[in-house]
Amino acid sequence: MRTLDFLLAAAHRDGGNVVTELPGTSMALAANVYAREAGLPLTTLLYDQTQTRGAQNHLRLFQQLGAELIAVQSLDEGERKLQELEKSTRKRFGHGLFNLNPSEPPGMLGYVNAAFELREQVSVGDLPEPDLIYLPLGLLGTSTGLWLGLKAAGLNTRVVSVYNQPVDEIGAGKVKEDMIALFDRCRDFIIARAPDFPWVSLRSGEILLRAASPAKPASLADSGKDWIPRFKAIENISLEATWSAPTLAALALDLEKKPFRDLVILFWFTPNTRAMPAGLEKVDYRRNSIIILKRMNRST
């Protein structure tokens, strides 16, 4: 929702658009829900991935919404489809394609705002200022936007971005470089429109990256899966296998280390919290061969 605040406004201004996302993510699904409410034509590219039950439910809801879906199995194929859509969009709407990209500055602004909301909650005593915020690391926009907002808001809180699988030092270094570049772009984007926004910077040494587990899981859905029933029993909150459960698993590993026990830690819960529509389980998520399915791990 935060990502879509400004993206859908820009799409409403510019017209026809496309979302490029995995079927398991809430971003593409939310874009279809709210683009439909706003009367915006939307085409969604769904990339092949291992199916979790959450991903299957999203596919069912896509079908209930009547979403315009295109199955994509590789980045090269996705690029070709985008080029085709660019041509058809110009023919259909008279202008180019608008991409609802959550890791472009307009898609990050909602998380910049979120940091100022957090500062307000701290100032009125709703919670102490967190030392650390744990959240999933996907396309970088959420973590980087939150980093920018925290610094601009004058908070000392640091973001811990969690991979759902292990990563080597070379990969982590590249992620940090990309986050810094994205941070600078978003800051400059804001200052160009709001000159009184503070000029802040992000250094590589400040960026904290974690993995959900020391060893590579058998499948994405295995990373942190044990926390799904445990957290439901403890907090009555339903985690999902792709993002929130691995993030909590990484936090649990850190809490075993003494320095972390004395810190104020905020677990940033990002998935949808609304109930799915009644009868959704009766919809065949494989209908119309929307996507090539990989074998689902039995444990999910």
C-alpha atoms as a PDB file:
ATOM      1  CA  MET A   1       0.000   0.000   0.000  1.00  0.00           C
ATOM      2  CA  ARG A   2       2.752   2.479   0.869  1.00  0.00           C
ATOM      3  CA  THR A   3       4.550   1.701  -2.379  1.00  0.00           C
ATOM      4  CA  LEU A   4       1.380   2.253  -4.382  1.00  0.00           C
ATOM      5  CA  ASP A   5       0.468   5.616  -2.810  1.00  0.00           C
ATOM      6  CA  PHE A   6       2.587   7.618  -5.221  1.00  0.00           C
ATOM      7  CA  LEU A   7       2.959   5.042  -8.018  1.00  0.00           C
ATOM      8  CA  LEU A   8      -0.779   4.845  -8.655  1.00  0.00           C
ATOM      9  CA  ALA A   9      -1.022   8.636  -8.591  1.00  0.00           C
ATOM     10  CA  ALA A  10       1.663   8.805 -11.277  1.00  0.00           C
ATOM     11  CA  ALA A  11      -0.042   6.024 -13.241  1.00  0.00           C
ATOM     12  CA  HIS A  12      -3.356   7.883 -13.032  1.00  0.00           C
ATOM     13  CA  ARG A  13      -1.597  10.932 -14.458  1.00  0.00           C
ATOM     14  CA  ASP A  14       0.254   9.068 -17.202  1.00  0.00           C
ATOM     15  CA  GLY A  15      -2.230   6.329 -18.094  1.00  0.00           C
ATOM     16  CA  GLY A  16      -1.854   2.657 -19.102  1.00  0.00           C
ATOM     17  CA  ASN A  17       0.786   0.652 -17.263  1.00  0.00           C
ATOM     18  CA  VAL A  18       2.240  -2.738 -16.432  1.00  0.00           C
ATOM     19  CA  VAL A  19       3.437  -4.418 -13.230  1.00  0.00           C
ATOM     20  CA  THR A  20       6.366  -6.852 -13.437  1.00  0.00           C
ATOM     21  CA  GLU A  21       6.286  -9.055 -10.356  1.00  0.00           C
ATOM     22  CA  LEU A  22       6.472 -12.598  -9.027  1.00  0.00           C
ATOM     23  CA  PRO A  23       3.162 -14.345  -8.338  1.00  0.00           C
ATOM     24  CA  GLY A  24       4.024 -14.783  -4.657  1.00  0.00           C
ATOM     25  CA  THR A  25       4.348 -11.086  -3.935  1.00  0.00           C
ATOM     26  CA  SER A  26       1.658  -8.851  -2.501  1.00  0.00           C
ATOM     27  CA  MET A  27       2.805  -5.918  -4.651  1.00  0.00           C
ATOM     28  CA  ALA A  28       1.349  -7.153  -7.940  1.00  0.00           C
ATOM     29  CA  LEU A  29      -1.825  -8.317  -6.247  1.00  0.00           C
ATOM     30  CA  ALA A  30      -2.372  -5.021  -4.418  1.00  0.00           C
ATOM     31  CA  ALA A  31      -1.667  -3.128  -7.634  1.00  0.00           C
ATOM     32  CA  ASN A  32      -4.456  -5.045  -9.358  1.00  0.00           C
ATOM     33  CA  VAL A  33      -6.901  -4.494  -6.480  1.00  0.00           C
ATOM     34  CA  TYR A  34      -6.388  -0.736  -6.310  1.00  0.00           C
ATOM     35  CA  ALA A  35      -5.775  -0.068 -10.007  1.00  0.00           C
ATOM     36  CA  ARG A  36      -9.149  -1.666 -10.615  1.00  0.00           C
ATOM     37  CA  GLU A  37     -10.768   0.603  -8.024  1.00  0.00           C
ATOM     38  CA  ALA A  38      -9.119   3.614  -9.678  1.00  0.00           C
ATOM     39  CA  GLY A  39     -10.260   2.553 -13.145  1.00  0.00           C
ATOM     40  CA  LEU A  40      -6.694   2.088 -14.422  1.00  0.00           C
ATOM     41  CA  PRO A  41      -5.967  -0.494 -17.135  1.00  0.00           C
ATOM     42  CA  LEU A  42      -3.242  -2.799 -15.870  1.00  0.00           C
ATOM     43  CA  THR A  43      -1.267  -5.695 -17.313  1.00  0.00           C
ATOM     44  CA  THR A  44       0.731  -7.912 -14.964  1.00  0.00           C
ATOM     45  CA  LEU A  45       3.766 -10.001 -15.890  1.00  0.00           C
ATOM     46  CA  LEU A  46       4.010 -13.034 -13.617  1.00  0.00           C
ATOM     47  CA  TYR A  47       7.427 -14.649 -13.390  1.00  0.00           C
ATOM     48  CA  ASP A  48       7.776 -18.376 -12.764  1.00  0.00           C
ATOM     49  CA  GLN A  49       8.615 -19.342  -9.175  1.00  0.00           C
ATOM     50  CA  THR A  50       8.296 -22.118  -6.623  1.00  0.00           C
ATOM     51  CA  GLN A  51       4.709 -22.166  -5.418  1.00  0.00           C
ATOM     52  CA  THR A  52       3.829 -21.622  -1.779  1.00  0.00           C
ATOM     53  CA  ARG A  53       0.237 -21.674  -0.583  1.00  0.00           C
ATOM     54  CA  GLY A  54       0.366 -17.912  -0.305  1.00  0.00           C
ATOM     55  CA  ALA A  55       1.396 -17.668  -3.956  1.00  0.00           C
ATOM     56  CA  GLN A  56      -1.408 -20.025  -4.949  1.00  0.00           C
ATOM     57  CA  ASN A  57      -3.969 -17.877  -3.112  1.00  0.00           C
ATOM     58  CA  HIS A  58      -2.648 -14.812  -4.905  1.00  0.00           C
ATOM     59  CA  LEU A  59      -3.089 -16.572  -8.246  1.00  0.00           C
ATOM     60  CA  ARG A  60      -6.663 -17.430  -7.282  1.00  0.00           C
ATOM     61  CA  LEU A  61      -7.395 -13.826  -6.358  1.00  0.00           C
ATOM     62  CA  PHE A  62      -5.837 -12.569  -9.594  1.00  0.00           C
ATOM     63  CA  GLN A  63      -8.407 -14.685 -11.402  1.00  0.00           C
ATOM     64  CA  GLN A  64     -11.291 -13.470  -9.255  1.00  0.00           C
ATOM     65  CA  LEU A  65     -10.255  -9.898 -10.059  1.00  0.00           C
ATOM     66  CA  GLY A  66     -10.182 -10.638 -13.771  1.00  0.00           C
ATOM     67  CA  ALA A  67      -6.561  -9.482 -13.914  1.00  0.00           C
ATOM     68  CA  GLU A  68      -4.822  -9.309 -17.289  1.00  0.00           C
ATOM     69  CA  LEU A  69      -1.901 -11.692 -16.772  1.00  0.00           C
ATOM     70  CA  ILE A  70       1.079 -12.717 -18.898  1.00  0.00           C
ATOM     71  CA  ALA A  71       3.224 -15.680 -17.819  1.00  0.00           C
ATOM     72  CA  VAL A  72       6.989 -15.054 -18.060  1.00  0.00           C
ATOM     73  CA  GLN A  73       9.744 -17.597 -17.406  1.00  0.00           C
ATOM     74  CA  SER A  74      12.946 -15.533 -17.730  1.00  0.00           C
ATOM     75  CA  LEU A  75      14.235 -11.962 -17.573  1.00  0.00           C
ATOM     76  CA  ASP A  76      14.947 -12.023 -21.312  1.00  0.00           C
ATOM     77  CA  GLU A  77      11.396 -13.106 -22.042  1.00  0.00           C
ATOM     78  CA  GLY A  78      10.125 -10.444 -19.668  1.00  0.00           C
ATOM     79  CA  GLU A  79      12.082  -7.778 -21.533  1.00  0.00           C
ATOM     80  CA  ARG A  80      10.626  -8.940 -24.840  1.00  0.00           C
ATOM     81  CA  LYS A  81       7.119  -8.853 -23.396  1.00  0.00           C
ATOM     82  CA  LEU A  82       7.724  -5.324 -22.098  1.00  0.00           C
ATOM     83  CA  GLN A  83       8.787  -4.191 -25.566  1.00  0.00           C
ATOM     84  CA  GLU A  84       5.649  -5.721 -27.050  1.00  0.00           C
ATOM     85  CA  LEU A  85       3.514  -4.048 -24.395  1.00  0.00           C
ATOM     86  CA  GLU A  86       5.224  -0.722 -25.062  1.00  0.00           C
ATOM     87  CA  LYS A  87       4.079  -0.908 -28.688  1.00  0.00           C
ATOM     88  CA  SER A  88       0.554  -2.018 -27.842  1.00  0.00           C
ATOM     89  CA  THR A  89       0.252   0.613 -25.090  1.00  0.00           C
ATOM     90  CA  ARG A  90       1.192   3.393 -27.498  1.00  0.00           C
ATOM     91  CA  LYS A  91      -1.362   2.095 -29.968  1.00  0.00           C
ATOM     92  CA  ARG A  92      -4.051   1.667 -27.288  1.00  0.00           C
ATOM     93  CA  PHE A  93      -3.482   4.801 -25.191  1.00  0.00           C
ATOM     94  CA  GLY A  94      -1.454   7.123 -27.383  1.00  0.00           C
ATOM     95  CA  HIS A  95       1.579   7.187 -25.070  1.00  0.00           C
ATOM     96  CA  GLY A  96       4.267   4.916 -23.641  1.00  0.00           C
ATOM     97  CA  LEU A  97       4.240   2.313 -20.935  1.00  0.00           C
ATOM     98  CA  PHE A  98       4.115   3.183 -17.241  1.00  0.00           C
ATOM     99  CA  ASN A  99       5.912   0.624 -15.069  1.00  0.00           C
ATOM    100  CA  LEU A 100       4.747   0.290 -11.467  1.00  0.00           C
ATOM    101  CA  ASN A 101       8.298  -0.254 -10.205  1.00  0.00           C
ATOM    102  CA  PRO A 102       8.527  -0.297  -6.397  1.00  0.00           C
ATOM    103  CA  SER A 103      12.266   0.430  -6.520  1.00  0.00           C
ATOM    104  CA  GLU A 104      11.985   3.727  -8.365  1.00  0.00           C
ATOM    105  CA  PRO A 105      11.796   6.967  -6.284  1.00  0.00           C
ATOM    106  CA  PRO A 106       7.974   7.374  -6.568  1.00  0.00           C
ATOM    107  CA  GLY A 107       7.553   3.837  -5.248  1.00  0.00           C
ATOM    108  CA  MET A 108       9.886   4.527  -2.305  1.00  0.00           C
ATOM    109  CA  LEU A 109       8.204   7.688  -1.037  1.00  0.00           C
ATOM    110  CA  GLY A 110       5.649   5.798   1.023  1.00  0.00           C
ATOM    111  CA  TYR A 111       8.455   4.315   3.114  1.00  0.00           C
ATOM    112  CA  VAL A 112      10.141   7.687   3.478  1.00  0.00           C
ATOM    113  CA  ASN A 113       6.802   8.872   4.899  1.00  0.00           C
ATOM    114  CA  ALA A 114       6.642   5.778   7.123  1.00  0.00           C
ATOM    115  CA  ALA A 115       9.775   6.889   8.965  1.00  0.00           C
ATOM    116  CA  PHE A 116       8.147  10.229   9.790  1.00  0.00           C
ATOM    117  CA  GLU A 117       5.062   8.362  11.039  1.00  0.00           C
ATOM    118  CA  LEU A 118       7.365   6.278  13.238  1.00  0.00           C
ATOM    119  CA  ARG A 119       8.969   9.459  14.626  1.00  0.00           C
ATOM    120  CA  GLU A 120       5.515  10.767  15.494  1.00  0.00           C
ATOM    121  CA  GLN A 121       4.635   7.505  17.299  1.00  0.00           C
ATOM    122  CA  VAL A 122       7.883   7.714  19.259  1.00  0.00           C
ATOM    123  CA  SER A 123       7.292  11.375  20.152  1.00  0.00           C
ATOM    124  CA  VAL A 124       3.846  10.687  21.652  1.00  0.00           C
ATOM    125  CA  GLY A 125       5.087   7.676  23.601  1.00  0.00           C
ATOM    126  CA  ASP A 126       3.450   4.885  21.623  1.00  0.00           C
ATOM    127  CA  LEU A 127       6.788   3.069  21.538  1.00  0.00           C
ATOM    128  CA  PRO A 128      10.434   3.751  22.360  1.00  0.00           C
ATOM    129  CA  GLU A 129      12.706   4.719  19.497  1.00  0.00           C
ATOM    130  CA  PRO A 130      13.882   1.437  17.955  1.00  0.00           C
ATOM    131  CA  ASP A 131      17.581   0.685  17.740  1.00  0.00           C
ATOM    132  CA  LEU A 132      16.965  -1.682  14.841  1.00  0.00           C
ATOM    133  CA  ILE A 133      14.191  -2.409  12.351  1.00  0.00           C
ATOM    134  CA  TYR A 134      14.123  -5.874  10.788  1.00  0.00           C
ATOM    135  CA  LEU A 135      12.391  -6.203   7.429  1.00  0.00           C
ATOM    136  CA  PRO A 136      12.698  -8.325   4.275  1.00  0.00           C
ATOM    137  CA  LEU A 137      15.103  -7.422   1.490  1.00  0.00           C
ATOM    138  CA  GLY A 138      13.488  -7.843  -1.911  1.00  0.00           C
ATOM    139  CA  LEU A 139      13.836  -5.240  -4.655  1.00  0.00           C
ATOM    140  CA  LEU A 140      15.668  -2.792  -2.313  1.00  0.00           C
ATOM    141  CA  GLY A 141      13.058  -0.007  -2.527  1.00  0.00           C
ATOM    142  CA  THR A 142      11.449  -0.659   0.865  1.00  0.00           C
ATOM    143  CA  SER A 143      14.687  -0.895   2.852  1.00  0.00           C
ATOM    144  CA  THR A 144      16.296   2.039   1.051  1.00  0.00           C
ATOM    145  CA  GLY A 145      13.220   4.270   1.292  1.00  0.00           C
ATOM    146  CA  LEU A 146      12.965   3.550   5.008  1.00  0.00           C
ATOM    147  CA  TRP A 147      16.689   4.291   5.486  1.00  0.00           C
ATOM    148  CA  LEU A 148      16.211   7.646   3.746  1.00  0.00           C
ATOM    149  CA  GLY A 149      13.183   8.523   5.823  1.00  0.00           C
ATOM    150  CA  LEU A 150      14.831   7.579   9.114  1.00  0.00           C
ATOM    151  CA  LYS A 151      17.835   9.772   8.391  1.00  0.00           C
ATOM    152  CA  ALA A 152      15.703  12.689   7.196  1.00  0.00           C
ATOM    153  CA  ALA A 153      13.487  12.371  10.277  1.00  0.00           C
ATOM    154  CA  GLY A 154      16.520  12.559  12.570  1.00  0.00           C
ATOM    155  CA  LEU A 155      16.059   9.096  14.071  1.00  0.00           C
ATOM    156  CA  ASN A 156      19.033   6.953  15.052  1.00  0.00           C
ATOM    157  CA  THR A 157      17.243   3.740  14.094  1.00  0.00           C
ATOM    158  CA  ARG A 158      19.116   1.416  11.730  1.00  0.00           C
ATOM    159  CA  VAL A 159      17.567  -0.941   9.201  1.00  0.00           C
ATOM    160  CA  VAL A 160      18.456  -4.650   9.141  1.00  0.00           C
ATOM    161  CA  SER A 161      17.566  -6.003   5.699  1.00  0.00           C
ATOM    162  CA  VAL A 162      17.046  -9.766   5.590  1.00  0.00           C
ATOM    163  CA  TYR A 163      17.705 -12.069   2.649  1.00  0.00           C
ATOM    164  CA  ASN A 164      15.539 -15.158   2.564  1.00  0.00           C
ATOM    165  CA  GLN A 165      18.631 -17.106   1.441  1.00  0.00           C
ATOM    166  CA  PRO A 166      22.370 -16.825   2.233  1.00  0.00           C
ATOM    167  CA  VAL A 167      24.506 -14.470   0.138  1.00  0.00           C
ATOM    168  CA  ASP A 168      28.283 -14.236  -0.311  1.00  0.00           C
ATOM    169  CA  GLU A 169      30.391 -11.132   0.336  1.00  0.00           C
ATOM    170  CA  ILE A 170      30.525 -10.210  -3.347  1.00  0.00           C
ATOM    171  CA  GLY A 171      26.761 -10.298  -3.607  1.00  0.00           C
ATOM    172  CA  ALA A 172      26.347  -8.312  -0.389  1.00  0.00           C
ATOM    173  CA  GLY A 173      28.795  -5.675  -1.631  1.00  0.00           C
ATOM    174  CA  LYS A 174      26.809  -5.249  -4.832  1.00  0.00           C
ATOM    175  CA  VAL A 175      23.563  -4.916  -2.873  1.00  0.00           C
ATOM    176  CA  LYS A 176      25.100  -2.169  -0.733  1.00  0.00           C
ATOM    177  CA  GLU A 177      26.315  -0.284  -3.804  1.00  0.00           C
ATOM    178  CA  ASP A 178      22.854  -0.512  -5.354  1.00  0.00           C
ATOM    179  CA  MET A 179      21.164   0.652  -2.134  1.00  0.00           C
ATOM    180  CA  ILE A 180      23.444   3.693  -1.874  1.00  0.00           C
ATOM    181  CA  ALA A 181      22.822   4.631  -5.515  1.00  0.00           C
ATOM    182  CA  LEU A 182      19.069   4.211  -5.031  1.00  0.00           C
ATOM    183  CA  PHE A 183      19.205   6.225  -1.779  1.00  0.00           C
ATOM    184  CA  ASP A 184      20.916   9.107  -3.591  1.00  0.00           C
ATOM    185  CA  ARG A 185      18.468   9.022  -6.500  1.00  0.00           C
ATOM    186  CA  CYS A 186      15.441   9.101  -4.229  1.00  0.00           C
ATOM    187  CA  ARG A 187      16.908  11.892  -2.063  1.00  0.00           C
ATOM    188  CA  ASP A 188      17.651  14.002  -5.149  1.00  0.00           C
ATOM    189  CA  PHE A 189      14.185  13.228  -6.562  1.00  0.00           C
ATOM    190  CA  ILE A 190      12.592  14.595  -3.374  1.00  0.00           C
ATOM    191  CA  ILE A 191      14.859  17.659  -3.062  1.00  0.00           C
ATOM    192  CA  ALA A 192      14.098  18.622  -6.672  1.00  0.00           C
ATOM    193  CA  ARG A 193      10.444  18.881  -5.630  1.00  0.00           C
ATOM    194  CA  ALA A 194      10.841  19.883  -1.970  1.00  0.00           C
ATOM    195  CA  PRO A 195      14.070  21.891  -1.544  1.00  0.00           C
ATOM    196  CA  ASP A 196      13.712  22.004   2.259  1.00  0.00           C
ATOM    197  CA  PHE A 197      14.061  18.193   2.501  1.00  0.00           C
ATOM    198  CA  PRO A 198      17.329  17.499   4.358  1.00  0.00           C
ATOM    199  CA  TRP A 199      20.369  16.377   2.372  1.00  0.00           C
ATOM    200  CA  VAL A 200      21.391  13.087   3.990  1.00  0.00           C
ATOM    201  CA  SER A 201      23.635  10.246   2.893  1.00  0.00           C
ATOM    202  CA  LEU A 202      23.990   6.504   3.429  1.00  0.00           C
ATOM    203  CA  ARG A 203      27.386   4.833   3.861  1.00  0.00           C
ATOM    204  CA  SER A 204      28.220   1.230   3.075  1.00  0.00           C
ATOM    205  CA  GLY A 205      29.347   0.582   6.655  1.00  0.00           C
ATOM    206  CA  GLU A 206      25.919   1.545   7.985  1.00  0.00           C
ATOM    207  CA  ILE A 207      24.006  -1.006   5.903  1.00  0.00           C
ATOM    208  CA  LEU A 208      23.155  -4.157   7.850  1.00  0.00           C
ATOM    209  CA  LEU A 209      22.374  -7.323   5.884  1.00  0.00           C
ATOM    210  CA  ARG A 210      21.330 -10.666   7.346  1.00  0.00           C
ATOM    211  CA  ALA A 211      20.445 -14.116   6.043  1.00  0.00           C
ATOM    212  CA  ALA A 212      17.488 -16.096   7.337  1.00  0.00           C
ATOM    213  CA  SER A 213      19.729 -19.087   8.025  1.00  0.00           C
ATOM    214  CA  PRO A 214      23.439 -19.921   7.791  1.00  0.00           C
ATOM    215  CA  ALA A 215      22.794 -22.723   5.277  1.00  0.00           C
ATOM    216  CA  LYS A 216      20.930 -22.545   1.986  1.00  0.00           C
ATOM    217  CA  PRO A 217      17.409 -23.968   2.421  1.00  0.00           C
ATOM    218  CA  ALA A 218      16.127 -26.815   0.259  1.00  0.00           C
ATOM    219  CA  SER A 219      13.599 -24.363  -1.161  1.00  0.00           C
ATOM    220  CA  LEU A 220      12.608 -20.765  -0.613  1.00  0.00           C
ATOM    221  CA  ALA A 221       9.587 -21.931   1.361  1.00  0.00           C
ATOM    222  CA  ASP A 222      11.852 -23.798   3.830  1.00  0.00           C
ATOM    223  CA  SER A 223      13.611 -20.629   4.985  1.00  0.00           C
ATOM    224  CA  GLY A 224      12.126 -19.767   8.372  1.00  0.00           C
ATOM    225  CA  LYS A 225       9.085 -22.018   7.865  1.00  0.00           C
ATOM    226  CA  ASP A 226       9.233 -23.300  11.471  1.00  0.00           C
ATOM    227  CA  TRP A 227       8.378 -19.801  12.669  1.00  0.00           C
ATOM    228  CA  ILE A 228       4.992 -19.757  10.932  1.00  0.00           C
ATOM    229  CA  PRO A 229       3.128 -21.961  13.463  1.00  0.00           C
ATOM    230  CA  ARG A 230       5.230 -20.670  16.392  1.00  0.00           C
ATOM    231  CA  PHE A 231       4.475 -17.003  15.748  1.00  0.00           C
ATOM    232  CA  LYS A 232       0.816 -17.763  15.152  1.00  0.00           C
ATOM    233  CA  ALA A 233       0.653 -19.464  18.547  1.00  0.00           C
ATOM    234  CA  ILE A 234       2.612 -16.723  20.347  1.00  0.00           C
ATOM    235  CA  GLU A 235       1.276 -13.534  18.721  1.00  0.00           C
ATOM    236  CA  ASN A 236      -1.715 -14.721  16.638  1.00  0.00           C
ATOM    237  CA  ILE A 237      -0.036 -13.223  13.558  1.00  0.00           C
ATOM    238  CA  SER A 238       0.116 -15.225  10.329  1.00  0.00           C
ATOM    239  CA  LEU A 239       3.549 -15.060   8.694  1.00  0.00           C
ATOM    240  CA  GLU A 240       4.058 -16.131   5.083  1.00  0.00           C
ATOM    241  CA  ALA A 241       6.874 -18.291   3.790  1.00  0.00           C
ATOM    242  CA  THR A 242       8.502 -15.991   1.253  1.00  0.00           C
ATOM    243  CA  TRP A 243       9.340 -12.831   3.228  1.00  0.00           C
ATOM    244  CA  SER A 244       8.104 -12.447   6.802  1.00  0.00           C
ATOM    245  CA  ALA A 245       9.003 -15.898   8.167  1.00  0.00           C
ATOM    246  CA  PRO A 246      12.643 -15.730   6.947  1.00  0.00           C
ATOM    247  CA  THR A 247      12.937 -12.221   8.413  1.00  0.00           C
ATOM    248  CA  LEU A 248      11.723 -13.414  11.811  1.00  0.00           C
ATOM    249  CA  ALA A 249      14.084 -16.387  11.602  1.00  0.00           C
ATOM    250  CA  ALA A 250      17.042 -14.023  11.115  1.00  0.00           C
ATOM    251  CA  LEU A 251      15.879 -11.894  14.046  1.00  0.00           C
ATOM    252  CA  ALA A 252      15.615 -14.979  16.251  1.00  0.00           C
ATOM    253  CA  LEU A 253      19.197 -15.959  15.374  1.00  0.00           C
ATOM    254  CA  ASP A 254      20.444 -12.496  16.333  1.00  0.00           C
ATOM    255  CA  LEU A 255      18.544 -12.521  19.613  1.00  0.00           C
ATOM    256  CA  GLU A 256      20.655 -15.479  20.711  1.00  0.00           C
ATOM    257  CA  LYS A 257      23.617 -13.067  20.829  1.00  0.00           C
ATOM    258  CA  LYS A 258      23.894 -11.058  24.027  1.00  0.00           C
ATOM    259  CA  PRO A 259      24.352  -7.553  22.515  1.00  0.00           C
ATOM    260  CA  PHE A 260      20.968  -7.794  20.809  1.00  0.00           C
ATOM    261  CA  ARG A 261      19.050  -8.625  23.994  1.00  0.00           C
ATOM    262  CA  ASP A 262      19.457  -5.094  25.336  1.00  0.00           C
ATOM    263  CA  LEU A 263      18.263  -3.381  22.149  1.00  0.00           C
ATOM    264  CA  VAL A 264      14.820  -2.079  21.180  1.00  0.00           C
ATOM    265  CA  ILE A 265      13.976  -4.026  18.026  1.00  0.00           C
ATOM    266  CA  LEU A 266      11.019  -3.435  15.724  1.00  0.00           C
ATOM    267  CA  PHE A 267       9.878  -6.315  13.491  1.00  0.00           C
ATOM    268  CA  TRP A 268       8.414  -4.587  10.425  1.00  0.00           C
ATOM    269  CA  PHE A 269       5.547  -6.787   9.276  1.00  0.00           C
ATOM    270  CA  THR A 270       4.849  -6.124   5.593  1.00  0.00           C
ATOM    271  CA  PRO A 271       2.346  -8.710   4.241  1.00  0.00           C
ATOM    272  CA  ASN A 272      -1.367  -8.291   3.753  1.00  0.00           C
ATOM    273  CA  THR A 273      -3.379  -8.519   6.991  1.00  0.00           C
ATOM    274  CA  ARG A 274      -6.844  -8.579   5.433  1.00  0.00           C
ATOM    275  CA  ALA A 275      -8.821 -11.792   5.123  1.00  0.00           C
ATOM    276  CA  MET A 276      -9.020 -13.300   1.652  1.00  0.00           C
ATOM    277  CA  PRO A 277     -12.491 -13.374   0.044  1.00  0.00           C
ATOM    278  CA  ALA A 278     -14.800 -16.237   0.996  1.00  0.00           C
ATOM    279  CA  GLY A 279     -14.745 -19.196  -1.379  1.00  0.00           C
ATOM    280  CA  LEU A 280     -11.307 -18.392  -2.746  1.00  0.00           C
ATOM    281  CA  GLU A 281     -10.074 -21.931  -2.083  1.00  0.00           C
ATOM    282  CA  LYS A 282     -12.541 -23.224  -4.701  1.00  0.00           C
ATOM    283  CA  VAL A 283     -10.794 -21.316  -7.504  1.00  0.00           C
ATOM    284  CA  ASP A 284      -8.294 -23.413  -9.485  1.00  0.00           C
ATOM    285  CA  TYR A 285      -5.031 -21.440  -9.353  1.00  0.00           C
ATOM    286  CA  ARG A 286      -3.762 -23.367 -12.419  1.00  0.00           C
ATOM    287  CA  ARG A 287      -6.688 -22.357 -14.618  1.00  0.00           C
ATOM    288  CA  ASN A 288      -5.893 -21.201 -18.163  1.00  0.00           C
ATOM    289  CA  SER A 289      -2.233 -22.253 -17.726  1.00  0.00           C
ATOM    290  CA  ILE A 290      -1.420 -18.795 -16.380  1.00  0.00           C
ATOM    291  CA  ILE A 291       1.980 -19.852 -15.137  1.00  0.00           C
ATOM    292  CA  ILE A 292       4.382 -22.747 -15.414  1.00  0.00           C
ATOM    293  CA  LEU A 293       4.429 -24.302 -11.959  1.00  0.00           C
ATOM    294  CA  LYS A 294       7.469 -25.715 -10.246  1.00  0.00           C
ATOM    295  CA  ARG A 295       6.956 -28.622  -7.869  1.00  0.00           C
ATOM    296  CA  MET A 296       5.676 -27.324  -4.564  1.00  0.00           C
ATOM    297  CA  ASN A 297       7.528 -28.342  -1.416  1.00  0.00           C
ATOM    298  CA  ARG A 298       5.243 -30.669   0.560  1.00  0.00           C
ATOM    299  CA  SER A 299       5.949 -28.828   3.816  1.00  0.00           C
ATOM    300  CA  THR A 300       4.349 -25.600   2.563  1.00  0.00           C
END
